[in-house]
Amino acid sequence: MTATASTARDTGQPDDGHLTAWTWAEERGLRDRVADGVRVVGRAVGESPRVARAGADLAVELAKVTVGKSEVAPGRGDRRFADPTWSDHPGYRRLMQSYLAASNTVDSVVEDTDVSWRTKEQLRFAAGILTSTLAPTNTLLGNPAAVKRAFETAGGSLRTGMSNWVDDLRHNGGMPKQVDDSGYVVGENLAATPGAVVFRNEVLELLQYAPSTPTVRSCPVLLIPPQINKYYFTDLAPGRSLLEHAVGRGLTCFAVSWRNPGPAQGDWDLDTYATALLEATDVVRQISSSDELITIGLCAGGITTATVLSYLAEHDPGRIRACSFAVTLLDWDTPAAIGAFRSRRLLAVTRRKGKKNGVLDARSLGSVFTWMRPNDLVWNYWVNNYLMGNKPPAFDILAWNEDKTNLPAALHRQFLEMFEDNVLTIPKGVEVLGHGVDLASVKADSYVVGGFSDHLTPWQGCYRTTQLLGGNSEFVLSPTGHIQTPVSPPGPKAHFFTGGKPGPDPEAWRAGATKQTGSWWDHWADWVIGRAGDERPARESLGSEKYPVLGAAPGTYVHQPA
């Protein structure tokens, strides 16, 4: 799941079943990526009927730049050219406009190329790497703010920047570090909601959270995070924690914390995780004295949850009262940037690497998704850390993003099959515990959340979940990205969109949706409360006689390094 330098952006950490081209990212350096980008864009340029006209238009625009008549300007939110020198100094202004004109031409040629949406996403990915890499702001002399900083500090910024670069070369795979995480400690100011570990098996720890209201609802809620992330993006700093918020609404909350697998766990697959989840649901029901529970699955945790719900629909249909999904793709045939990596050759290479190593390691998992947003997730930090000589920002989501996890090779292969052949949408196209998964068999009410600016799990794809499941569904659209959708605390600017009964067309739903003030967290909590049974006095102790407390939250698995 993805954060950048501001709270409005997401991290470059990959997530879910978006597990595709990491080998490409790991085995090639930036120079090779750019070279590949040039070749891919070059092929598109050669095949596009608009090339000649685009070249002529660029020549005209560059002539205007030369004589000072160009009106080319940075796009809204492009902070690379915020320094006033870019507009005040004629030389820098012409440099900026020439770069922007060339970048706009590449983008327009790519957009006008008549190819499939997956090929177009490949072109966009390559073009994005190429144009972002060639920005003049990435060089010292091409960045007036960096030049002034070097002058003001008598070269001190450059000395610090060089030190930062050497440190990243030694300790961060040569990538600029995105966060100063020295002030964040898991269990103190991250993952700090009071609770306890009440169950542990080799795959997961189950956390129960202490009630903060005098009464609680009788039907408990189980949160299921993705296997590729530490769970505590749902329990960030106080005031920014979904779990803290849910407990504050009187819900009895449990959460799964996955073990960080190593090569010895390379054979863990959907059956492994499904078995562990079923054990966890038994513990939740025993501790809460409830035959039923409500689930919320996030990202790849939602994929795993959906397969388990289908299994339970046949084997124990009364266990799940309702279910929720946030930023989860079950239908992969949705136009999205992730489609750039839907290449059978590339997927085959990735499978072989995972099988060889036992796991997809955390650094490889993060690389491609960082390069999907190079301006925000690479060059922004390159300039800040190396050219300006600053520390990276201190931010809770970014600190969480640095706390990486591995993915077992067996589960990775199954996610790739879902991604490559879209088998979750095919009844019995996937098996879990000997059961052919049929999403339509899940009759429990469902609450589905998508993020409008989510580049990994586009909201239209998340919306498709409402059509795949068999029960009554409600869809909510957050105006945020992949990570900021789950991390949406109430605030003066918070809002979301609700609509009527979801039909087959997501755009039709959106056209009729209504903007609501506040956070979808409260809307979801209201929805859950309406299905979570009667109120009863909150218990003073956690766990039970059968499942006593094993230790304080956030437990031990969350501290395991990749």
Protein backbone atom coordinates (compact mmCIF):
# COMPACT_ATOMS: atom_id res chain seq x y z
CA MET A 1 0.00 0.00 0.00
CA THR A 2 1.60 4.07 -1.17
CA ALA A 3 2.84 7.96 1.04
CA THR A 4 4.97 10.79 -0.18
CA ALA A 5 6.10 14.11 1.21
CA SER A 6 2.61 15.32 2.04
CA THR A 7 -0.47 13.89 3.69
CA ALA A 8 -2.34 14.15 0.41
CA ARG A 9 -0.20 11.54 -1.27
CA ASP A 10 0.38 7.85 -0.98
CA THR A 11 3.44 5.74 -0.51
CA GLY A 12 5.24 3.82 -3.16
CA GLN A 13 4.98 0.58 -1.20
CA PRO A 14 3.23 -2.04 -3.31
CA ASP A 15 0.34 -3.91 -2.02
CA ASP A 16 -2.24 -6.55 -2.63
CA GLY A 17 -2.21 -8.66 -5.72
CA HIS A 18 -0.33 -5.93 -7.57
CA LEU A 19 2.68 -8.23 -7.56
CA THR A 20 4.20 -8.19 -10.98
CA ALA A 21 7.39 -6.64 -12.33
CA TRP A 22 9.66 -6.48 -9.34
CA THR A 23 12.37 -8.47 -11.03
CA TRP A 24 12.64 -5.73 -13.62
CA ALA A 25 12.98 -3.17 -10.87
CA GLU A 26 15.48 -5.17 -8.85
CA GLU A 27 17.82 -6.37 -11.57
CA ARG A 28 18.10 -3.16 -13.56
CA GLY A 29 19.32 0.25 -12.54
CA LEU A 30 17.85 3.62 -13.37
CA ARG A 31 19.90 3.90 -16.54
CA ASP A 32 18.42 0.66 -17.89
CA ARG A 33 14.92 1.71 -16.95
CA VAL A 34 15.32 4.96 -18.84
CA ALA A 35 16.80 3.14 -21.84
CA ASP A 36 13.86 0.75 -21.90
CA GLY A 37 11.54 3.71 -21.61
CA VAL A 38 13.16 5.35 -24.61
CA ARG A 39 12.75 2.18 -26.67
CA VAL A 40 9.12 1.61 -25.68
CA VAL A 41 8.13 5.23 -26.25
CA GLY A 42 10.16 5.23 -29.45
CA ARG A 43 8.17 2.30 -30.80
CA ALA A 44 4.93 4.06 -29.93
CA VAL A 45 6.16 7.24 -31.56
CA GLY A 46 7.08 5.35 -34.70
CA GLU A 47 3.64 3.76 -34.92
CA SER A 48 1.56 6.83 -34.10
CA PRO A 49 0.01 8.67 -37.09
CA ARG A 50 0.24 11.89 -35.11
CA VAL A 51 4.02 11.84 -34.77
CA ALA A 52 4.85 14.18 -37.63
CA ARG A 53 2.31 16.74 -36.49
CA ALA A 54 3.48 16.44 -32.87
CA GLY A 55 7.07 17.03 -33.96
CA ALA A 56 6.04 20.07 -35.96
CA ASP A 57 4.02 21.41 -33.04
CA LEU A 58 7.01 20.96 -30.74
CA ALA A 59 9.28 22.79 -33.17
CA VAL A 60 6.85 25.70 -33.27
CA GLU A 61 6.60 25.79 -29.49
CA LEU A 62 10.37 25.69 -29.05
CA ALA A 63 10.66 28.61 -31.45
CA LYS A 64 8.21 30.52 -29.27
CA VAL A 65 10.29 29.60 -26.22
CA THR A 66 13.41 30.96 -27.87
CA VAL A 67 11.87 34.38 -28.60
CA GLY A 68 10.10 34.56 -25.23
CA LYS A 69 6.55 34.15 -26.61
CA SER A 70 5.71 30.71 -25.18
CA GLU A 71 2.89 30.36 -22.68
CA VAL A 72 3.82 26.85 -21.60
CA ALA A 73 3.62 26.66 -17.79
CA PRO A 74 3.88 23.96 -15.12
CA GLY A 75 0.74 22.07 -14.29
CA ARG A 76 -1.16 22.78 -11.12
CA GLY A 77 0.61 21.16 -8.20
CA ASP A 78 3.95 20.77 -10.02
CA ARG A 79 6.24 21.94 -7.22
CA ARG A 80 9.44 21.35 -9.17
CA PHE A 81 9.28 24.84 -10.66
CA ALA A 82 7.96 26.74 -7.64
CA ASP A 83 11.11 28.82 -7.14
CA PRO A 84 10.53 32.35 -8.55
CA THR A 85 13.76 32.12 -10.57
CA TRP A 86 11.93 29.88 -13.03
CA SER A 87 9.66 32.77 -13.98
CA ASP A 88 11.98 35.74 -13.32
CA HIS A 89 15.20 34.59 -15.00
CA PRO A 90 14.89 34.43 -18.82
CA GLY A 91 17.40 31.59 -19.16
CA TYR A 92 15.80 29.38 -16.54
CA ARG A 93 12.34 30.23 -17.87
CA ARG A 94 13.34 29.05 -21.35
CA LEU A 95 14.92 25.91 -19.91
CA MET A 96 11.72 25.10 -18.01
CA GLN A 97 9.46 25.78 -20.99
CA SER A 98 11.60 23.73 -23.35
CA TYR A 99 11.50 20.76 -20.97
CA LEU A 100 7.75 21.08 -20.39
CA ALA A 101 7.03 21.41 -24.11
CA ALA A 102 9.03 18.26 -24.88
CA SER A 103 7.38 16.34 -22.02
CA ASN A 104 3.92 17.42 -23.13
CA THR A 105 4.71 16.23 -26.65
CA VAL A 106 5.79 12.78 -25.44
CA ASP A 107 2.65 12.52 -23.31
CA SER A 108 0.37 13.57 -26.16
CA VAL A 109 1.91 11.06 -28.57
CA VAL A 110 1.44 8.29 -26.02
CA GLU A 111 -2.18 9.26 -25.39
CA ASP A 112 -2.96 9.37 -29.12
CA THR A 113 -1.40 5.98 -29.86
CA ASP A 114 -4.06 3.49 -30.95
CA VAL A 115 -3.24 0.49 -28.75
CA SER A 116 -4.94 -1.56 -26.03
CA TRP A 117 -5.32 0.04 -22.62
CA ARG A 118 -2.69 -2.30 -21.15
CA THR A 119 -0.15 -1.34 -23.81
CA LYS A 120 -1.01 2.31 -23.25
CA GLU A 121 -0.35 1.90 -19.54
CA GLN A 122 3.04 0.40 -20.41
CA LEU A 123 3.76 3.43 -22.56
CA ARG A 124 2.65 5.83 -19.83
CA PHE A 125 4.87 4.06 -17.32
CA ALA A 126 7.91 4.23 -19.59
CA ALA A 127 7.21 7.82 -20.64
CA GLY A 128 6.79 8.86 -17.00
CA ILE A 129 10.19 7.45 -16.08
CA LEU A 130 11.80 9.08 -19.10
CA THR A 131 10.35 12.58 -18.76
CA SER A 132 10.68 12.76 -14.98
CA THR A 133 14.31 11.63 -15.12
CA LEU A 134 15.23 14.28 -17.68
CA ALA A 135 13.79 17.18 -15.64
CA PRO A 136 16.40 19.94 -15.21
CA THR A 137 15.47 20.23 -11.54
CA ASN A 138 17.20 16.90 -10.90
CA THR A 139 20.63 18.50 -11.49
CA LEU A 140 22.44 21.07 -9.41
CA LEU A 141 22.91 23.71 -12.13
CA GLY A 142 19.41 23.06 -13.42
CA ASN A 143 17.85 23.73 -10.03
CA PRO A 144 18.12 27.39 -8.99
CA ALA A 145 16.82 26.67 -5.49
CA ALA A 146 19.66 24.17 -4.98
CA VAL A 147 22.23 26.62 -6.36
CA LYS A 148 21.06 29.31 -3.95
CA ARG A 149 21.07 26.85 -1.07
CA ALA A 150 24.66 25.85 -1.85
CA PHE A 151 25.71 29.50 -1.96
CA GLU A 152 23.92 30.37 1.29
CA THR A 153 25.50 27.45 3.14
CA ALA A 154 28.97 27.89 1.59
CA GLY A 155 28.68 24.43 0.11
CA GLY A 156 27.40 22.85 3.32
CA SER A 157 24.21 21.65 1.65
CA LEU A 158 26.23 19.80 -0.98
CA ARG A 159 28.44 18.15 1.65
CA THR A 160 25.36 17.04 3.56
CA GLY A 161 23.72 15.88 0.35
CA MET A 162 26.76 13.80 -0.56
CA SER A 163 26.70 12.23 2.90
CA ASN A 164 22.99 11.44 2.46
CA TRP A 165 23.69 9.88 -0.94
CA VAL A 166 26.48 7.65 0.38
CA ASP A 167 24.28 6.55 3.28
CA ASP A 168 21.43 5.66 0.91
CA LEU A 169 23.83 3.85 -1.38
CA ARG A 170 24.98 1.70 1.54
CA HIS A 171 21.72 1.19 3.37
CA ASN A 172 18.77 1.92 1.04
CA GLY A 173 19.64 0.20 -2.22
CA GLY A 174 20.77 3.46 -3.79
CA MET A 175 17.29 4.98 -3.59
CA PRO A 176 16.74 8.30 -1.79
CA LYS A 177 15.24 7.73 1.63
CA GLN A 178 11.66 8.96 1.90
CA VAL A 179 11.32 9.49 5.63
CA ASP A 180 13.17 10.36 8.81
CA ASP A 181 11.68 7.59 10.93
CA SER A 182 13.92 8.12 13.94
CA GLY A 183 11.09 9.68 15.95
CA TYR A 184 8.62 6.84 15.44
CA VAL A 185 8.43 3.76 17.62
CA VAL A 186 5.91 1.00 16.99
CA GLY A 187 3.93 0.45 20.17
CA GLU A 188 4.58 3.98 21.45
CA ASN A 189 3.51 6.60 18.92
CA LEU A 190 2.57 4.13 16.16
CA ALA A 191 0.27 1.13 16.70
CA ALA A 192 -0.47 2.57 20.12
CA THR A 193 -4.18 1.77 20.59
CA PRO A 194 -4.47 -0.20 23.86
CA GLY A 195 -5.02 -3.90 23.39
CA ALA A 196 -3.50 -7.34 23.76
CA VAL A 197 -2.43 -10.40 21.81
CA VAL A 198 -5.03 -13.06 22.55
CA PHE A 199 -4.00 -15.72 20.03
CA ARG A 200 -0.92 -16.65 18.05
CA ASN A 201 -0.18 -19.28 15.44
CA GLU A 202 2.76 -19.51 13.06
CA VAL A 203 1.01 -17.27 10.49
CA LEU A 204 -0.65 -14.52 12.52
CA GLU A 205 -1.20 -12.88 15.86
CA LEU A 206 -4.72 -11.86 16.81
CA LEU A 207 -5.02 -8.53 18.62
CA GLN A 208 -8.00 -7.58 20.74
CA TYR A 209 -8.50 -3.90 21.52
CA ALA A 210 -9.57 -2.54 24.88
CA PRO A 211 -13.01 -0.89 24.88
CA SER A 212 -13.06 2.88 25.38
CA THR A 213 -16.82 3.21 25.85
CA PRO A 214 -18.97 1.94 28.75
CA THR A 215 -21.02 -0.24 26.39
CA VAL A 216 -20.08 -2.14 23.24
CA ARG A 217 -21.91 -3.90 20.43
CA SER A 218 -22.31 -7.64 20.81
CA CYS A 219 -21.12 -8.65 17.31
CA PRO A 220 -17.34 -8.19 16.99
CA VAL A 221 -15.38 -6.74 14.05
CA LEU A 222 -12.26 -8.45 12.66
CA LEU A 223 -9.83 -6.35 10.60
CA ILE A 224 -7.77 -8.26 8.01
CA PRO A 225 -4.81 -6.35 6.52
CA PRO A 226 -2.81 -7.20 3.38
CA GLN A 227 -0.04 -9.75 3.69
CA ILE A 228 2.36 -7.34 2.04
CA ASN A 229 2.09 -4.63 4.69
CA LYS A 230 2.36 -4.35 8.45
CA TYR A 231 -1.19 -4.00 9.78
CA TYR A 232 -0.67 -0.72 11.60
CA PHE A 233 -1.50 1.62 8.74
CA THR A 234 -4.92 1.09 10.32
CA ASP A 235 -3.49 2.13 13.69
CA LEU A 236 -1.21 5.10 13.07
CA ALA A 237 -0.70 7.96 15.50
CA PRO A 238 -3.55 8.67 17.92
CA GLY A 239 -6.27 10.57 16.08
CA ARG A 240 -5.24 8.94 12.79
CA SER A 241 -6.14 5.36 13.67
CA LEU A 242 -9.10 3.53 12.13
CA LEU A 243 -8.97 0.97 14.94
CA GLU A 244 -8.93 3.64 17.64
CA HIS A 245 -11.87 5.33 15.92
CA ALA A 246 -13.87 2.10 15.68
CA VAL A 247 -13.29 1.29 19.35
CA GLY A 248 -14.40 4.82 20.19
CA ARG A 249 -17.70 4.16 18.43
CA GLY A 250 -18.41 1.24 20.73
CA LEU A 251 -17.35 -1.58 18.43
CA THR A 252 -15.63 -4.70 19.74
CA CYS A 253 -12.52 -4.80 17.58
CA PHE A 254 -9.95 -7.44 16.73
CA ALA A 255 -7.15 -7.22 14.15
CA VAL A 256 -4.84 -9.66 12.42
CA SER A 257 -1.09 -9.00 12.47
CA TRP A 258 0.65 -11.23 9.91
CA ARG A 259 4.00 -12.83 10.49
CA ASN A 260 6.78 -11.48 8.25
CA PRO A 261 7.73 -14.59 6.22
CA GLY A 262 11.21 -15.68 5.23
CA PRO A 263 12.45 -18.27 2.74
CA ALA A 264 11.42 -21.08 5.10
CA GLN A 265 7.80 -19.96 4.69
CA GLY A 266 7.99 -19.83 0.89
CA ASP A 267 5.33 -22.54 0.50
CA TRP A 268 2.67 -20.55 2.37
CA ASP A 269 -0.31 -20.10 0.04
CA LEU A 270 -3.98 -19.14 0.16
CA ASP A 271 -4.79 -22.34 2.03
CA THR A 272 -2.20 -21.44 4.67
CA TYR A 273 -3.62 -17.98 5.21
CA ALA A 274 -7.24 -19.13 4.99
CA THR A 275 -6.66 -21.79 7.65
CA ALA A 276 -5.05 -19.22 9.94
CA LEU A 277 -7.95 -16.80 9.39
CA LEU A 278 -10.53 -19.44 10.17
CA GLU A 279 -8.71 -20.15 13.45
CA ALA A 280 -8.75 -16.43 14.20
CA THR A 281 -12.51 -16.19 13.60
CA ASP A 282 -13.07 -19.07 16.02
CA VAL A 283 -11.07 -17.23 18.67
CA VAL A 284 -12.94 -13.95 18.04
CA ARG A 285 -16.29 -15.70 18.46
CA GLN A 286 -15.24 -17.52 21.61
CA ILE A 287 -13.83 -14.43 23.31
CA SER A 288 -16.76 -12.21 22.37
CA SER A 289 -19.42 -14.86 23.04
CA SER A 290 -20.88 -14.24 19.61
CA ASP A 291 -21.66 -16.84 16.96
CA GLU A 292 -21.20 -14.21 14.24
CA LEU A 293 -18.67 -11.56 13.36
CA ILE A 294 -18.19 -8.72 10.87
CA THR A 295 -15.06 -8.53 8.72
CA ILE A 296 -13.22 -5.66 7.07
CA GLY A 297 -10.57 -6.66 4.54
CA LEU A 298 -8.10 -4.15 3.16
CA CYS A 299 -6.22 -4.45 -0.14
CA ALA A 300 -4.85 -7.98 -0.52
CA GLY A 301 -6.36 -8.73 2.86
CA GLY A 302 -9.68 -8.19 1.11
CA ILE A 303 -8.74 -10.74 -1.57
CA THR A 304 -7.94 -13.33 1.09
CA THR A 305 -11.09 -12.42 2.99
CA ALA A 306 -13.26 -12.85 -0.10
CA THR A 307 -11.99 -16.40 -0.69
CA VAL A 308 -12.59 -17.31 2.95
CA LEU A 309 -16.10 -15.81 2.85
CA SER A 310 -16.91 -17.98 -0.16
CA TYR A 311 -15.64 -21.03 1.71
CA LEU A 312 -17.75 -20.15 4.74
CA ALA A 313 -20.82 -19.54 2.58
CA GLU A 314 -20.81 -23.28 1.89
CA HIS A 315 -19.41 -24.69 5.12
CA ASP A 316 -20.63 -22.29 7.86
CA PRO A 317 -22.97 -19.66 6.37
CA GLY A 318 -23.96 -18.24 9.76
CA ARG A 319 -20.45 -17.19 10.81
CA ILE A 320 -20.21 -13.87 8.93
CA ARG A 321 -22.96 -11.32 9.55
CA ALA A 322 -21.56 -8.62 7.26
CA CYS A 323 -18.34 -7.80 5.44
CA SER A 324 -16.43 -4.70 4.34
CA PHE A 325 -13.75 -4.13 1.71
CA ALA A 326 -11.45 -1.13 1.34
CA VAL A 327 -9.26 -0.43 -1.72
CA THR A 328 -9.56 -4.07 -2.80
CA LEU A 329 -9.58 -5.33 -6.40
CA LEU A 330 -11.35 -8.62 -7.00
CA ASP A 331 -11.88 -7.93 -10.71
CA TRP A 332 -8.55 -7.22 -12.42
CA ASP A 333 -9.96 -6.44 -15.85
CA THR A 334 -10.11 -2.75 -15.01
CA PRO A 335 -8.05 -0.09 -16.83
CA ALA A 336 -5.37 0.95 -14.36
CA ALA A 337 -1.70 1.82 -14.20
CA ILE A 338 -1.00 -1.62 -12.78
CA GLY A 339 -1.99 -3.06 -16.16
CA ALA A 340 1.38 -1.90 -17.46
CA PHE A 341 2.86 -5.06 -15.94
CA ARG A 342 0.35 -7.58 -17.26
CA SER A 343 2.90 -9.25 -19.49
CA ARG A 344 3.13 -13.04 -19.55
CA ARG A 345 6.87 -12.94 -20.19
CA LEU A 346 7.47 -10.58 -17.29
CA LEU A 347 5.17 -12.51 -14.98
CA ALA A 348 6.96 -15.74 -15.85
CA VAL A 349 10.31 -14.19 -14.91
CA THR A 350 8.85 -12.98 -11.61
CA ARG A 351 7.45 -16.44 -10.84
CA ARG A 352 10.83 -18.05 -11.40
CA LYS A 353 12.57 -15.56 -9.15
CA GLY A 354 10.04 -16.05 -6.35
CA LYS A 355 10.35 -19.82 -6.59
CA LYS A 356 14.14 -19.59 -6.45
CA ASN A 357 14.29 -17.27 -3.42
CA GLY A 358 11.27 -18.54 -1.47
CA VAL A 359 9.93 -15.02 -0.98
CA LEU A 360 9.53 -11.80 -2.88
CA ASP A 361 11.74 -9.58 -0.75
CA ALA A 362 10.51 -6.25 0.52
CA ARG A 363 12.92 -4.02 -1.39
CA SER A 364 12.08 -5.64 -4.72
CA LEU A 365 8.39 -5.41 -3.93
CA GLY A 366 8.62 -1.67 -3.45
CA SER A 367 10.77 -0.65 -6.39
CA VAL A 368 8.41 -0.73 -9.35
CA PHE A 369 5.62 0.97 -7.47
CA THR A 370 7.98 3.73 -6.49
CA TRP A 371 8.82 4.24 -10.16
CA MET A 372 5.13 4.36 -11.05
CA ARG A 373 5.19 7.84 -9.49
CA PRO A 374 8.78 8.96 -10.09
CA ASN A 375 8.32 12.70 -9.55
CA ASP A 376 6.71 12.20 -6.15
CA LEU A 377 8.50 9.10 -4.91
CA VAL A 378 11.99 9.36 -6.39
CA TRP A 379 13.06 12.77 -7.71
CA ASN A 380 11.27 14.74 -5.02
CA TYR A 381 13.49 13.05 -2.43
CA TRP A 382 16.54 13.14 -4.70
CA VAL A 383 16.32 16.94 -4.79
CA ASN A 384 15.44 17.31 -1.10
CA ASN A 385 18.06 14.91 0.26
CA TYR A 386 20.98 15.35 -2.14
CA LEU A 387 20.73 18.73 -3.90
CA MET A 388 19.22 20.69 -1.01
CA GLY A 389 21.02 18.71 1.70
CA ASN A 390 17.90 18.32 3.85
CA LYS A 391 16.68 15.45 5.93
CA PRO A 392 13.69 13.57 4.51
CA PRO A 393 10.39 14.48 6.17
CA ALA A 394 9.14 12.88 9.37
CA PHE A 395 5.67 11.49 8.73
CA ASP A 396 3.82 8.53 10.22
CA ILE A 397 2.64 6.97 6.94
CA LEU A 398 6.11 7.22 5.48
CA ALA A 399 7.57 5.64 8.60
CA TRP A 400 5.11 2.78 8.25
CA ASN A 401 6.02 2.49 4.57
CA GLU A 402 9.67 1.94 5.48
CA ASP A 403 8.69 -0.94 7.77
CA LYS A 404 8.55 -3.43 4.93
CA THR A 405 7.46 -7.04 4.62
CA ASN A 406 8.14 -10.04 2.39
CA LEU A 407 5.64 -12.15 0.48
CA PRO A 408 5.76 -15.97 0.31
CA ALA A 409 6.50 -17.24 -3.19
CA ALA A 410 3.51 -19.62 -3.23
CA LEU A 411 1.00 -16.91 -2.33
CA HIS A 412 2.70 -14.58 -4.79
CA ARG A 413 2.18 -17.10 -7.60
CA GLN A 414 -1.52 -17.33 -6.78
CA PHE A 415 -1.88 -13.56 -6.76
CA LEU A 416 -0.18 -13.46 -10.14
CA GLU A 417 -2.73 -15.93 -11.51
CA MET A 418 -5.53 -13.69 -10.28
CA PHE A 419 -3.85 -10.69 -11.87
CA GLU A 420 -2.98 -12.43 -15.14
CA ASP A 421 -6.18 -14.40 -15.81
CA ASN A 422 -8.72 -12.59 -13.59
CA VAL A 423 -9.74 -15.94 -12.13
CA LEU A 424 -11.52 -14.56 -9.06
CA THR A 425 -14.35 -13.39 -11.30
CA ILE A 426 -14.79 -16.93 -12.69
CA PRO A 427 -16.95 -19.19 -10.49
CA LYS A 428 -14.68 -21.89 -9.09
CA GLY A 429 -11.72 -20.36 -10.93
CA VAL A 430 -9.76 -20.36 -7.65
CA GLU A 431 -9.66 -23.05 -4.99
CA VAL A 432 -9.14 -22.52 -1.28
CA LEU A 433 -9.15 -25.44 1.13
CA GLY A 434 -10.57 -27.64 -1.62
CA HIS A 435 -13.47 -25.24 -2.21
CA GLY A 436 -14.09 -23.64 -5.60
CA VAL A 437 -14.45 -19.92 -4.87
CA ASP A 438 -17.68 -18.36 -6.11
CA LEU A 439 -18.02 -14.75 -4.97
CA ALA A 440 -21.72 -14.70 -5.78
CA SER A 441 -22.25 -17.25 -2.99
CA VAL A 442 -21.35 -14.58 -0.41
CA LYS A 443 -24.80 -13.35 0.65
CA ALA A 444 -23.79 -11.18 3.62
CA ASP A 445 -24.31 -7.43 3.34
CA SER A 446 -21.16 -5.71 2.12
CA TYR A 447 -19.69 -2.22 2.43
CA VAL A 448 -17.15 -1.34 -0.27
CA VAL A 449 -14.81 1.68 -0.27
CA GLY A 450 -12.75 2.99 -3.18
CA GLY A 451 -10.38 5.94 -3.54
CA PHE A 452 -10.97 8.43 -6.35
CA SER A 453 -7.26 9.09 -6.92
CA ASP A 454 -6.11 5.53 -6.20
CA HIS A 455 -3.54 4.58 -8.87
CA LEU A 456 -3.14 0.98 -7.69
CA THR A 457 -6.72 -0.18 -7.15
CA PRO A 458 -8.83 2.27 -9.20
CA TRP A 459 -12.19 3.01 -7.68
CA GLN A 460 -14.08 1.64 -10.69
CA GLY A 461 -12.41 -1.72 -10.08
CA CYS A 462 -13.22 -1.60 -6.37
CA TYR A 463 -16.80 -0.79 -7.32
CA ARG A 464 -16.99 -4.07 -9.27
CA THR A 465 -16.94 -5.91 -5.94
CA THR A 466 -20.54 -4.77 -5.40
CA GLN A 467 -21.50 -6.68 -8.55
CA LEU A 468 -19.50 -9.81 -7.80
CA LEU A 469 -20.80 -10.49 -4.28
CA GLY A 470 -24.24 -11.99 -3.82
CA GLY A 471 -25.62 -9.87 -0.97
CA ASN A 472 -26.76 -6.27 -0.65
CA SER A 473 -23.87 -3.88 -1.20
CA GLU A 474 -23.18 -0.26 -0.40
CA PHE A 475 -20.42 1.64 -2.17
CA VAL A 476 -18.61 4.70 -0.82
CA LEU A 477 -16.10 6.82 -2.73
CA SER A 478 -13.33 8.65 -0.89
CA PRO A 479 -11.53 11.53 -2.70
CA THR A 480 -8.16 10.07 -1.76
CA GLY A 481 -5.46 7.65 -2.92
CA HIS A 482 -4.55 4.10 -2.05
CA ILE A 483 -3.28 4.58 1.48
CA GLN A 484 -5.02 7.83 2.33
CA THR A 485 -8.38 6.12 1.77
CA PRO A 486 -7.95 3.78 4.76
CA VAL A 487 -6.24 6.63 6.65
CA SER A 488 -9.11 9.14 6.50
CA PRO A 489 -9.62 10.61 9.98
CA PRO A 490 -12.38 13.15 10.56
CA GLY A 491 -11.30 16.72 9.85
CA PRO A 492 -12.58 20.05 8.53
CA LYS A 493 -11.83 19.11 4.91
CA ALA A 494 -12.85 15.46 5.08
CA HIS A 495 -15.60 14.33 2.74
CA PHE A 496 -16.77 11.33 0.76
CA PHE A 497 -19.51 10.34 -1.67
CA THR A 498 -22.47 8.02 -1.24
CA GLY A 499 -25.10 6.93 -3.73
CA GLY A 500 -28.01 4.63 -4.25
CA LYS A 501 -28.00 0.91 -4.82
CA PRO A 502 -24.92 0.12 -6.94
CA GLY A 503 -25.82 -0.85 -10.49
CA PRO A 504 -23.52 -2.28 -13.16
CA ASP A 505 -22.13 1.10 -14.32
CA PRO A 506 -19.76 2.82 -11.83
CA GLU A 507 -19.84 6.11 -13.75
CA ALA A 508 -23.64 6.17 -13.55
CA TRP A 509 -23.38 5.64 -9.80
CA ARG A 510 -20.87 8.47 -9.53
CA ALA A 511 -23.07 10.82 -11.55
CA GLY A 512 -25.84 10.32 -9.02
CA ALA A 513 -23.68 10.28 -5.90
CA THR A 514 -23.97 12.86 -3.13
CA LYS A 515 -21.08 14.57 -1.37
CA GLN A 516 -21.06 14.03 2.39
CA THR A 517 -19.02 16.01 4.89
CA GLY A 518 -16.83 14.16 7.37
CA SER A 519 -14.94 10.90 7.13
CA TRP A 520 -16.20 7.64 5.67
CA TRP A 521 -14.97 6.12 8.94
CA ASP A 522 -18.09 7.39 10.71
CA HIS A 523 -20.35 6.36 7.84
CA TRP A 524 -18.84 2.86 7.93
CA ALA A 525 -19.14 2.71 11.73
CA ASP A 526 -22.83 3.64 11.47
CA TRP A 527 -23.29 0.90 8.87
CA VAL A 528 -21.54 -1.65 11.10
CA ILE A 529 -23.41 -0.56 14.24
CA GLY A 530 -26.67 -1.17 12.41
CA ARG A 531 -25.60 -4.80 11.96
CA ALA A 532 -23.56 -5.38 15.14
CA GLY A 533 -26.35 -6.33 17.53
CA ASP A 534 -27.39 -4.96 20.88
CA GLU A 535 -25.31 -2.93 23.30
CA ARG A 536 -23.92 -4.59 26.38
CA PRO A 537 -21.56 -3.50 29.17
CA ALA A 538 -17.95 -3.48 28.09
CA ARG A 539 -15.74 -6.09 29.73
CA GLU A 540 -12.87 -4.87 31.87
CA SER A 541 -10.52 -7.68 30.83
CA LEU A 542 -9.34 -8.90 27.45
CA GLY A 543 -9.11 -12.45 26.21
CA SER A 544 -10.86 -15.34 27.92
CA GLU A 545 -10.08 -18.34 30.06
CA LYS A 546 -9.51 -20.41 26.93
CA TYR A 547 -7.54 -17.67 25.19
CA PRO A 548 -5.69 -15.67 27.82
CA VAL A 549 -3.68 -12.56 27.07
CA LEU A 550 -0.26 -13.44 25.62
CA GLY A 551 1.16 -9.94 25.74
CA ALA A 552 0.39 -6.32 25.05
CA ALA A 553 -0.53 -5.02 21.61
CA PRO A 554 0.92 -4.55 19.04
CA GLY A 555 2.48 -7.95 19.73
CA THR A 556 5.68 -9.53 18.46
CA TYR A 557 5.07 -10.25 14.76
CA VAL A 558 4.80 -6.56 13.93
CA HIS A 559 8.41 -6.08 15.04
CA GLN A 560 9.85 -8.73 12.73
CA PRO A 561 12.08 -7.16 10.06
CA ALA A 562 11.86 -8.12 6.39
